[in-house]
Amino acid sequence: MRLLLCLLLLSLTACSLTQEKPPAPSTNAPKATMASYTVHQYVSDLSSQLSHVQGPFKSSARIAVTSFYLANALDSELAQGQGAGLSQQIQESLLTQFTQLGYNTIEYRLEKHLNLASNADSMLSRDISKLRQRQNIDFVITGTLTRQQHAYIVNARMVNTQDSRVVSAASTEIPINVMWGDEKIQQRDGYIYRSEY
């Protein structure tokens, strides 16, 4: 009986000395999700805020909308990676939305002549030599992007071109994942996302 009791105690002691294997880390990356809304829908918040103009404003005032650059690299750097195209899409959405709201928006990128190619045609250009000499612009909508961990902070303002006075201002957040890039591997919020191969 003593022998049996000793064997039992020995086996219990041996069990407590063996280490359990730690659970293996999961290799399943979380499924990548897109932002809740499109860029155009996020920009509607900017349009709404910008439409509250302070001071005298004629309904015939001509408004131009420019590209949005990174706040720390004005006129030299657009959003890259997942934000590629974001600067231009904000510009295009604001131009569309302000026109729909009844403002007198102008397309200053309009060329003097229609350009026809074998697969496309256009009258828009960023080549200043192809654009009209005189641009009658009373107000310009411009702004900046500041990248945060989870979103771009977008600050916009409508400026009187005669005296540089800001007549309205707006700010909103646009999630970084609103425009996914072509990277095969991306890291967001500490998780690695792999796109399909």
Foldseek 3Di string as FASTA:
>chain_A
DVVVVVVVVVVVVVVVPDDDDDDDDDPDFDADDFDPDALLVQLVQFLVQQVQFPDDDDQQAEEEEDFADAPVAPPPHHDDAQCVPVRVVSRVSNQVVCVVVSGRYDQQQFFPDWDDDPVDIDRGDPPVVRTDPDDRHQKYKYWYWYDDQFWTKIKIFIAGPVPRDTGTIDIDTDTSRSGHDPDQWDDHPNTIDGDDD
